[in-house]
Amino acid sequence: MTWQEAYDDACQRFGGQRPGNALEQELIEAYEARPVAFQHAVDKLAQRYADGKVRSPWPLVKAELEQDAQRALIVGDDSAERELQIHLAERFIANAGWGLPTEAELVDELFGRHGKLRAWAGDELLVARMVDAWKRARTVPAIEWPQRTSG
């Protein structure tokens, strides 16, 4: 859809209202960068305009596009949570998980449906790290008891 088509559609849906020249230029730039976001903003505000909740929709289109652009920049960082869950999984292996009879049961316990690490089940290096920790924990060296001397 061209800017002219999107603009004409929005003007018709906004009761014939048109933005000022400066605002239109800003909206053109926003449309070129994110046409789908523009259309979503128009759809949302056209409904609010039709319901009588909005009187001047064009400035709100700009605000909606700015807010949408800010949302697109937000990226979650799960590294702290991941490291905590890895630490807890390693503690589990050292304390009790070493007693699991098979590697498959360990993987299911940690990465399965209820596992602490299920969010990272696709991380093959992490799976291998946990299996390695389990194997090391299972090979606990035998305790050498001191010899008794009679005396």
N, C-alpha and C. Protein backbone atom coordinates (compact mmCIF):
# COMPACT_ATOMS: atom_id res chain seq x y z
N MET A 1 0.85 -1.18 0.00
CA MET A 1 0.00 0.00 0.00
C MET A 1 0.90 1.24 0.00
N THR A 2 0.58 2.18 -0.85
CA THR A 2 1.35 3.42 -0.91
C THR A 2 0.95 4.34 0.25
N TRP A 3 1.77 5.36 0.48
CA TRP A 3 1.43 6.34 1.50
C TRP A 3 0.11 7.02 1.16
N GLN A 4 -0.08 7.34 -0.11
CA GLN A 4 -1.31 8.03 -0.51
C GLN A 4 -2.53 7.18 -0.18
N GLU A 5 -2.48 5.89 -0.44
CA GLU A 5 -3.61 5.00 -0.14
C GLU A 5 -3.85 4.91 1.37
N ALA A 6 -2.76 4.74 2.12
CA ALA A 6 -2.88 4.66 3.59
C ALA A 6 -3.42 5.97 4.16
N TYR A 7 -2.92 7.08 3.62
CA TYR A 7 -3.34 8.41 4.07
C TYR A 7 -4.82 8.65 3.76
N ASP A 8 -5.23 8.37 2.55
CA ASP A 8 -6.64 8.56 2.17
C ASP A 8 -7.57 7.70 3.02
N ASP A 9 -7.17 6.45 3.26
CA ASP A 9 -7.97 5.56 4.09
C ASP A 9 -8.11 6.12 5.50
N ALA A 10 -6.98 6.57 6.06
CA ALA A 10 -7.02 7.11 7.42
C ALA A 10 -7.86 8.38 7.49
N CYS A 11 -7.72 9.26 6.51
CA CYS A 11 -8.51 10.49 6.50
C CYS A 11 -10.00 10.18 6.46
N GLN A 12 -10.38 9.23 5.64
CA GLN A 12 -11.80 8.83 5.53
C GLN A 12 -12.28 8.25 6.86
N ARG A 13 -11.45 7.42 7.48
CA ARG A 13 -11.84 6.80 8.76
C ARG A 13 -11.83 7.79 9.91
N PHE A 14 -11.09 8.89 9.76
CA PHE A 14 -11.02 9.92 10.80
C PHE A 14 -11.98 11.08 10.49
N GLY A 15 -13.05 10.79 9.76
CA GLY A 15 -14.09 11.79 9.51
C GLY A 15 -13.65 12.94 8.63
N GLY A 16 -12.69 12.70 7.76
CA GLY A 16 -12.22 13.75 6.86
C GLY A 16 -11.12 14.62 7.44
N GLN A 17 -10.75 14.40 8.69
CA GLN A 17 -9.68 15.20 9.28
C GLN A 17 -8.35 14.89 8.60
N ARG A 18 -7.53 15.95 8.47
CA ARG A 18 -6.21 15.78 7.86
C ARG A 18 -5.17 16.37 8.81
N PRO A 19 -3.98 15.76 8.85
CA PRO A 19 -2.94 16.31 9.73
C PRO A 19 -2.32 17.55 9.09
N GLY A 20 -1.67 18.36 9.91
CA GLY A 20 -0.93 19.51 9.39
C GLY A 20 0.28 19.01 8.59
N ASN A 21 0.89 19.92 7.84
CA ASN A 21 2.02 19.55 6.98
C ASN A 21 3.19 18.95 7.75
N ALA A 22 3.54 19.58 8.87
CA ALA A 22 4.69 19.09 9.65
C ALA A 22 4.39 17.69 10.21
N LEU A 23 3.20 17.51 10.74
CA LEU A 23 2.83 16.20 11.28
C LEU A 23 2.76 15.16 10.17
N GLU A 24 2.24 15.55 9.02
CA GLU A 24 2.16 14.60 7.91
C GLU A 24 3.56 14.14 7.51
N GLN A 25 4.51 15.06 7.48
CA GLN A 25 5.87 14.68 7.11
C GLN A 25 6.45 13.67 8.11
N GLU A 26 6.20 13.88 9.40
CA GLU A 26 6.66 12.93 10.42
C GLU A 26 5.99 11.56 10.24
N LEU A 27 4.70 11.59 9.91
CA LEU A 27 3.97 10.35 9.71
C LEU A 27 4.44 9.61 8.45
N ILE A 28 4.82 10.35 7.42
CA ILE A 28 5.36 9.72 6.21
C ILE A 28 6.64 8.97 6.55
N GLU A 29 7.52 9.61 7.32
CA GLU A 29 8.77 8.96 7.71
C GLU A 29 8.50 7.71 8.55
N ALA A 30 7.56 7.81 9.44
CA ALA A 30 7.20 6.65 10.27
C ALA A 30 6.60 5.54 9.41
N TYR A 31 5.78 5.93 8.44
CA TYR A 31 5.15 4.95 7.55
C TYR A 31 6.21 4.23 6.71
N GLU A 32 7.19 4.97 6.22
CA GLU A 32 8.25 4.35 5.42
C GLU A 32 9.03 3.32 6.23
N ALA A 33 9.25 3.61 7.50
CA ALA A 33 10.02 2.71 8.36
C ALA A 33 9.19 1.53 8.87
N ARG A 34 7.91 1.80 9.19
CA ARG A 34 7.08 0.75 9.80
C ARG A 34 5.64 0.87 9.35
N PRO A 35 5.35 0.46 8.12
CA PRO A 35 3.99 0.61 7.58
C PRO A 35 2.94 -0.22 8.32
N VAL A 36 3.30 -1.39 8.80
CA VAL A 36 2.34 -2.23 9.53
C VAL A 36 1.97 -1.57 10.85
N ALA A 37 2.95 -1.02 11.53
CA ALA A 37 2.67 -0.33 12.79
C ALA A 37 1.75 0.88 12.55
N PHE A 38 1.99 1.58 11.44
CA PHE A 38 1.12 2.72 11.09
C PHE A 38 -0.32 2.24 10.91
N GLN A 39 -0.50 1.16 10.17
CA GLN A 39 -1.85 0.66 9.91
C GLN A 39 -2.53 0.20 11.20
N HIS A 40 -1.76 -0.43 12.08
CA HIS A 40 -2.34 -0.85 13.37
C HIS A 40 -2.77 0.36 14.20
N ALA A 41 -1.96 1.40 14.18
CA ALA A 41 -2.31 2.62 14.93
C ALA A 41 -3.57 3.25 14.36
N VAL A 42 -3.67 3.30 13.04
CA VAL A 42 -4.86 3.87 12.41
C VAL A 42 -6.08 3.03 12.75
N ASP A 43 -5.95 1.70 12.67
CA ASP A 43 -7.08 0.81 13.00
C ASP A 43 -7.56 1.05 14.43
N LYS A 44 -6.62 1.11 15.34
CA LYS A 44 -6.96 1.29 16.76
C LYS A 44 -7.65 2.65 16.98
N LEU A 45 -7.07 3.67 16.41
CA LEU A 45 -7.61 5.01 16.65
C LEU A 45 -8.87 5.28 15.86
N ALA A 46 -9.04 4.65 14.70
CA ALA A 46 -10.29 4.80 13.95
C ALA A 46 -11.45 4.25 14.75
N GLN A 47 -11.24 3.16 15.43
CA GLN A 47 -12.30 2.59 16.27
C GLN A 47 -12.61 3.53 17.43
N ARG A 48 -11.58 4.04 18.05
CA ARG A 48 -11.79 4.97 19.17
C ARG A 48 -12.45 6.26 18.68
N TYR A 49 -12.11 6.71 17.47
CA TYR A 49 -12.74 7.89 16.88
C TYR A 49 -14.22 7.62 16.62
N ALA A 50 -14.51 6.46 16.06
CA ALA A 50 -15.89 6.08 15.76
C ALA A 50 -16.72 5.97 17.04
N ASP A 51 -16.10 5.54 18.13
CA ASP A 51 -16.79 5.40 19.41
C ASP A 51 -16.91 6.74 20.15
N GLY A 52 -16.34 7.81 19.60
CA GLY A 52 -16.42 9.11 20.23
C GLY A 52 -15.43 9.32 21.35
N LYS A 53 -14.45 8.47 21.46
CA LYS A 53 -13.46 8.57 22.54
C LYS A 53 -12.27 9.45 22.16
N VAL A 54 -12.13 9.74 20.87
CA VAL A 54 -11.02 10.53 20.36
C VAL A 54 -11.58 11.59 19.42
N ARG A 55 -11.10 12.84 19.58
CA ARG A 55 -11.56 13.92 18.70
C ARG A 55 -10.53 14.26 17.62
N SER A 56 -9.26 14.19 17.98
CA SER A 56 -8.18 14.52 17.04
C SER A 56 -7.23 13.33 16.95
N PRO A 57 -7.48 12.43 16.04
CA PRO A 57 -6.71 11.18 16.01
C PRO A 57 -5.29 11.29 15.45
N TRP A 58 -5.00 12.26 14.59
CA TRP A 58 -3.69 12.30 13.95
C TRP A 58 -2.53 12.44 14.93
N PRO A 59 -2.58 13.36 15.90
CA PRO A 59 -1.47 13.42 16.85
C PRO A 59 -1.33 12.12 17.66
N LEU A 60 -2.45 11.45 17.86
CA LEU A 60 -2.40 10.18 18.59
C LEU A 60 -1.79 9.06 17.75
N VAL A 61 -1.95 9.15 16.43
CA VAL A 61 -1.27 8.19 15.55
C VAL A 61 0.23 8.32 15.74
N LYS A 62 0.71 9.56 15.74
CA LYS A 62 2.15 9.80 15.95
C LYS A 62 2.59 9.26 17.31
N ALA A 63 1.83 9.55 18.35
CA ALA A 63 2.19 9.06 19.69
C ALA A 63 2.20 7.54 19.74
N GLU A 64 1.22 6.94 19.10
CA GLU A 64 1.14 5.47 19.07
C GLU A 64 2.35 4.88 18.34
N LEU A 65 2.76 5.48 17.25
CA LEU A 65 3.92 5.02 16.50
C LEU A 65 5.21 5.17 17.32
N GLU A 66 5.33 6.27 18.04
CA GLU A 66 6.51 6.48 18.90
C GLU A 66 6.55 5.43 20.00
N GLN A 67 5.41 5.17 20.60
CA GLN A 67 5.34 4.16 21.66
C GLN A 67 5.65 2.78 21.10
N ASP A 68 5.15 2.47 19.92
CA ASP A 68 5.42 1.19 19.28
C ASP A 68 6.91 1.04 18.97
N ALA A 69 7.54 2.12 18.52
CA ALA A 69 8.98 2.08 18.23
C ALA A 69 9.78 1.82 19.51
N GLN A 70 9.34 2.41 20.62
CA GLN A 70 10.03 2.17 21.89
C GLN A 70 9.88 0.71 22.33
N ARG A 71 8.69 0.15 22.14
CA ARG A 71 8.46 -1.25 22.49
C ARG A 71 9.39 -2.16 21.70
N ALA A 72 9.63 -1.83 20.44
CA ALA A 72 10.47 -2.66 19.58
C ALA A 72 11.91 -2.68 20.05
N LEU A 73 12.33 -1.68 20.81
CA LEU A 73 13.70 -1.61 21.30
C LEU A 73 13.94 -2.40 22.58
N ILE A 74 12.87 -2.79 23.24
CA ILE A 74 13.01 -3.48 24.53
C ILE A 74 13.31 -4.95 24.28
N VAL A 75 14.43 -5.39 24.84
CA VAL A 75 14.86 -6.78 24.71
C VAL A 75 15.11 -7.32 26.12
N GLY A 76 14.49 -8.43 26.41
CA GLY A 76 14.68 -9.03 27.72
C GLY A 76 16.04 -9.69 27.85
N ASP A 77 16.58 -9.71 29.06
CA ASP A 77 17.87 -10.34 29.33
C ASP A 77 17.65 -11.37 30.43
N ASP A 78 17.75 -12.64 30.05
CA ASP A 78 17.51 -13.69 31.03
C ASP A 78 18.80 -14.28 31.57
N SER A 79 19.94 -13.61 31.35
CA SER A 79 21.22 -14.19 31.74
C SER A 79 21.34 -14.39 33.25
N ALA A 80 20.87 -13.45 34.06
CA ALA A 80 20.96 -13.62 35.51
C ALA A 80 20.08 -14.78 35.97
N GLU A 81 18.87 -14.86 35.43
CA GLU A 81 17.97 -15.95 35.78
C GLU A 81 18.56 -17.29 35.33
N ARG A 82 19.12 -17.30 34.14
CA ARG A 82 19.73 -18.52 33.59
C ARG A 82 20.87 -19.00 34.50
N GLU A 83 21.75 -18.09 34.86
CA GLU A 83 22.88 -18.47 35.71
C GLU A 83 22.42 -19.00 37.07
N LEU A 84 21.40 -18.38 37.63
CA LEU A 84 20.85 -18.86 38.90
C LEU A 84 20.30 -20.27 38.75
N GLN A 85 19.51 -20.50 37.69
CA GLN A 85 18.92 -21.83 37.49
C GLN A 85 20.00 -22.88 37.21
N ILE A 86 21.05 -22.52 36.50
CA ILE A 86 22.16 -23.45 36.27
C ILE A 86 22.83 -23.79 37.59
N HIS A 87 23.07 -22.79 38.41
CA HIS A 87 23.68 -23.02 39.73
C HIS A 87 22.81 -23.96 40.57
N LEU A 88 21.51 -23.70 40.58
CA LEU A 88 20.60 -24.56 41.36
C LEU A 88 20.58 -25.98 40.81
N ALA A 89 20.65 -26.13 39.50
CA ALA A 89 20.68 -27.46 38.89
C ALA A 89 21.96 -28.19 39.27
N GLU A 90 23.07 -27.49 39.27
CA GLU A 90 24.34 -28.11 39.67
C GLU A 90 24.32 -28.52 41.14
N ARG A 91 23.70 -27.71 41.97
CA ARG A 91 23.58 -28.06 43.40
C ARG A 91 22.68 -29.29 43.55
N PHE A 92 21.60 -29.35 42.77
CA PHE A 92 20.71 -30.50 42.80
C PHE A 92 21.48 -31.77 42.42
N ILE A 93 22.27 -31.69 41.37
CA ILE A 93 23.04 -32.85 40.93
C ILE A 93 23.99 -33.30 42.03
N ALA A 94 24.70 -32.36 42.64
CA ALA A 94 25.67 -32.70 43.69
C ALA A 94 24.99 -33.28 44.93
N ASN A 95 23.81 -32.79 45.27
CA ASN A 95 23.16 -33.22 46.50
C ASN A 95 22.28 -34.46 46.34
N ALA A 96 21.55 -34.55 45.25
CA ALA A 96 20.60 -35.66 45.11
C ALA A 96 20.52 -36.21 43.69
N GLY A 97 20.73 -35.37 42.70
CA GLY A 97 20.56 -35.79 41.32
C GLY A 97 21.53 -36.85 40.87
N TRP A 98 22.66 -36.95 41.54
CA TRP A 98 23.63 -37.98 41.17
C TRP A 98 23.03 -39.38 41.30
N GLY A 99 22.00 -39.50 42.11
CA GLY A 99 21.37 -40.79 42.34
C GLY A 99 20.40 -41.20 41.25
N LEU A 100 20.11 -40.32 40.29
CA LEU A 100 19.23 -40.70 39.18
C LEU A 100 19.91 -41.81 38.38
N PRO A 101 19.18 -42.87 38.06
CA PRO A 101 19.81 -44.05 37.46
C PRO A 101 20.30 -43.89 36.02
N THR A 102 19.69 -42.98 35.25
CA THR A 102 20.11 -42.87 33.84
C THR A 102 20.27 -41.41 33.44
N GLU A 103 21.04 -41.22 32.38
CA GLU A 103 21.24 -39.89 31.82
C GLU A 103 19.92 -39.31 31.32
N ALA A 104 19.09 -40.16 30.73
CA ALA A 104 17.79 -39.71 30.22
C ALA A 104 16.92 -39.16 31.34
N GLU A 105 16.96 -39.80 32.49
CA GLU A 105 16.15 -39.31 33.63
C GLU A 105 16.68 -37.97 34.14
N LEU A 106 18.00 -37.80 34.13
CA LEU A 106 18.57 -36.51 34.52
C LEU A 106 18.12 -35.41 33.57
N VAL A 107 18.24 -35.69 32.27
CA VAL A 107 17.86 -34.69 31.27
C VAL A 107 16.37 -34.35 31.41
N ASP A 108 15.54 -35.34 31.62
CA ASP A 108 14.12 -35.07 31.82
C ASP A 108 13.88 -34.27 33.09
N GLU A 109 14.58 -34.60 34.14
CA GLU A 109 14.43 -33.89 35.42
C GLU A 109 14.79 -32.41 35.29
N LEU A 110 15.85 -32.11 34.55
CA LEU A 110 16.32 -30.73 34.43
C LEU A 110 15.69 -29.95 33.27
N PHE A 111 15.49 -30.64 32.13
CA PHE A 111 15.06 -29.94 30.93
C PHE A 111 13.65 -30.32 30.47
N GLY A 112 13.03 -31.25 31.16
CA GLY A 112 11.69 -31.70 30.79
C GLY A 112 10.61 -30.70 31.15
N ARG A 113 9.40 -31.14 31.10
CA ARG A 113 8.23 -30.28 31.28
C ARG A 113 8.24 -29.47 32.58
N HIS A 114 8.76 -30.05 33.64
CA HIS A 114 8.78 -29.35 34.93
C HIS A 114 10.19 -29.00 35.38
N GLY A 115 11.16 -29.12 34.50
CA GLY A 115 12.56 -28.91 34.85
C GLY A 115 12.94 -27.46 35.05
N LYS A 116 13.91 -27.22 35.90
CA LYS A 116 14.40 -25.88 36.17
C LYS A 116 15.02 -25.24 34.93
N LEU A 117 15.54 -26.05 34.03
CA LEU A 117 16.24 -25.55 32.85
C LEU A 117 15.45 -25.75 31.56
N ARG A 118 14.16 -25.97 31.64
CA ARG A 118 13.36 -26.27 30.44
C ARG A 118 13.40 -25.13 29.42
N ALA A 119 13.57 -23.90 29.87
CA ALA A 119 13.63 -22.76 28.94
C ALA A 119 14.86 -22.83 28.04
N TRP A 120 15.86 -23.58 28.46
CA TRP A 120 17.10 -23.68 27.70
C TRP A 120 17.35 -25.11 27.22
N ALA A 121 16.29 -25.85 27.02
CA ALA A 121 16.40 -27.26 26.61
C ALA A 121 17.09 -27.40 25.25
N GLY A 122 17.03 -26.41 24.41
CA GLY A 122 17.67 -26.47 23.10
C GLY A 122 19.16 -26.16 23.13
N ASP A 123 19.68 -25.79 24.27
CA ASP A 123 21.11 -25.46 24.40
C ASP A 123 21.89 -26.74 24.62
N GLU A 124 22.42 -27.30 23.54
CA GLU A 124 23.11 -28.59 23.62
C GLU A 124 24.33 -28.53 24.53
N LEU A 125 25.03 -27.40 24.55
CA LEU A 125 26.21 -27.28 25.42
C LEU A 125 25.80 -27.32 26.89
N LEU A 126 24.69 -26.70 27.21
CA LEU A 126 24.22 -26.73 28.60
C LEU A 126 23.78 -28.13 29.00
N VAL A 127 23.09 -28.82 28.10
CA VAL A 127 22.68 -30.21 28.39
C VAL A 127 23.92 -31.05 28.63
N ALA A 128 24.92 -30.91 27.76
CA ALA A 128 26.16 -31.68 27.92
C ALA A 128 26.86 -31.33 29.23
N ARG A 129 26.83 -30.06 29.61
CA ARG A 129 27.45 -29.62 30.88
C ARG A 129 26.77 -30.29 32.07
N MET A 130 25.44 -30.35 32.04
CA MET A 130 24.71 -30.97 33.16
C MET A 130 24.96 -32.49 33.20
N VAL A 131 24.99 -33.13 32.04
CA VAL A 131 25.26 -34.58 31.99
C VAL A 131 26.66 -34.85 32.51
N ASP A 132 27.62 -34.01 32.12
CA ASP A 132 28.99 -34.18 32.60
C ASP A 132 29.06 -34.01 34.12
N ALA A 133 28.37 -33.02 34.65
CA ALA A 133 28.34 -32.82 36.11
C ALA A 133 27.73 -34.04 36.79
N TRP A 134 26.69 -34.61 36.20
CA TRP A 134 26.04 -35.81 36.76
C TRP A 134 27.01 -36.99 36.75
N LYS A 135 27.73 -37.16 35.65
CA LYS A 135 28.70 -38.27 35.56
C LYS A 135 29.81 -38.11 36.59
N ARG A 136 30.31 -36.89 36.76
CA ARG A 136 31.35 -36.65 37.77
C ARG A 136 30.83 -36.91 39.18
N ALA A 137 29.59 -36.50 39.45
CA ALA A 137 29.01 -36.68 40.78
C ALA A 137 28.77 -38.16 41.09
N ARG A 138 28.53 -38.96 40.07
CA ARG A 138 28.28 -40.40 40.27
C ARG A 138 29.55 -41.16 40.58
N THR A 139 30.67 -40.64 40.21
CA THR A 139 31.94 -41.33 40.45
C THR A 139 32.61 -40.75 41.68
N VAL A 140 31.96 -40.91 42.80
CA VAL A 140 32.49 -40.43 44.06
C VAL A 140 33.60 -41.38 44.49
N PRO A 141 34.78 -40.87 44.82
CA PRO A 141 35.87 -41.77 45.22
C PRO A 141 35.52 -42.52 46.52
N ALA A 142 36.02 -43.72 46.60
CA ALA A 142 35.77 -44.52 47.80
C ALA A 142 36.51 -43.90 48.99
N ILE A 143 35.88 -43.98 50.13
CA ILE A 143 36.49 -43.44 51.34
C ILE A 143 37.43 -44.50 51.90
N GLU A 144 38.64 -44.07 52.16
CA GLU A 144 39.59 -44.99 52.76
C GLU A 144 39.56 -44.78 54.27
N TRP A 145 39.17 -45.82 54.96
CA TRP A 145 39.07 -45.74 56.41
C TRP A 145 40.44 -46.03 57.02
N PRO A 146 40.76 -45.34 58.06
CA PRO A 146 42.06 -45.60 58.69
C PRO A 146 42.07 -47.02 59.32
N GLN A 147 43.22 -47.60 59.35
CA GLN A 147 43.36 -48.93 59.94
C GLN A 147 43.32 -48.79 61.46
N ARG A 148 42.65 -49.74 62.07
CA ARG A 148 42.59 -49.74 63.54
C ARG A 148 43.83 -50.41 64.06
N THR A 149 44.34 -49.86 65.04
CA THR A 149 45.48 -50.49 65.72
C THR A 149 45.03 -50.93 67.09
N SER A 150 45.42 -52.09 67.45
CA SER A 150 45.02 -52.53 68.77
C SER A 150 46.05 -52.03 69.77
N GLY A 151 45.58 -51.70 70.83
CA GLY A 151 46.54 -51.15 71.74
C GLY A 151 46.23 -51.16 73.13
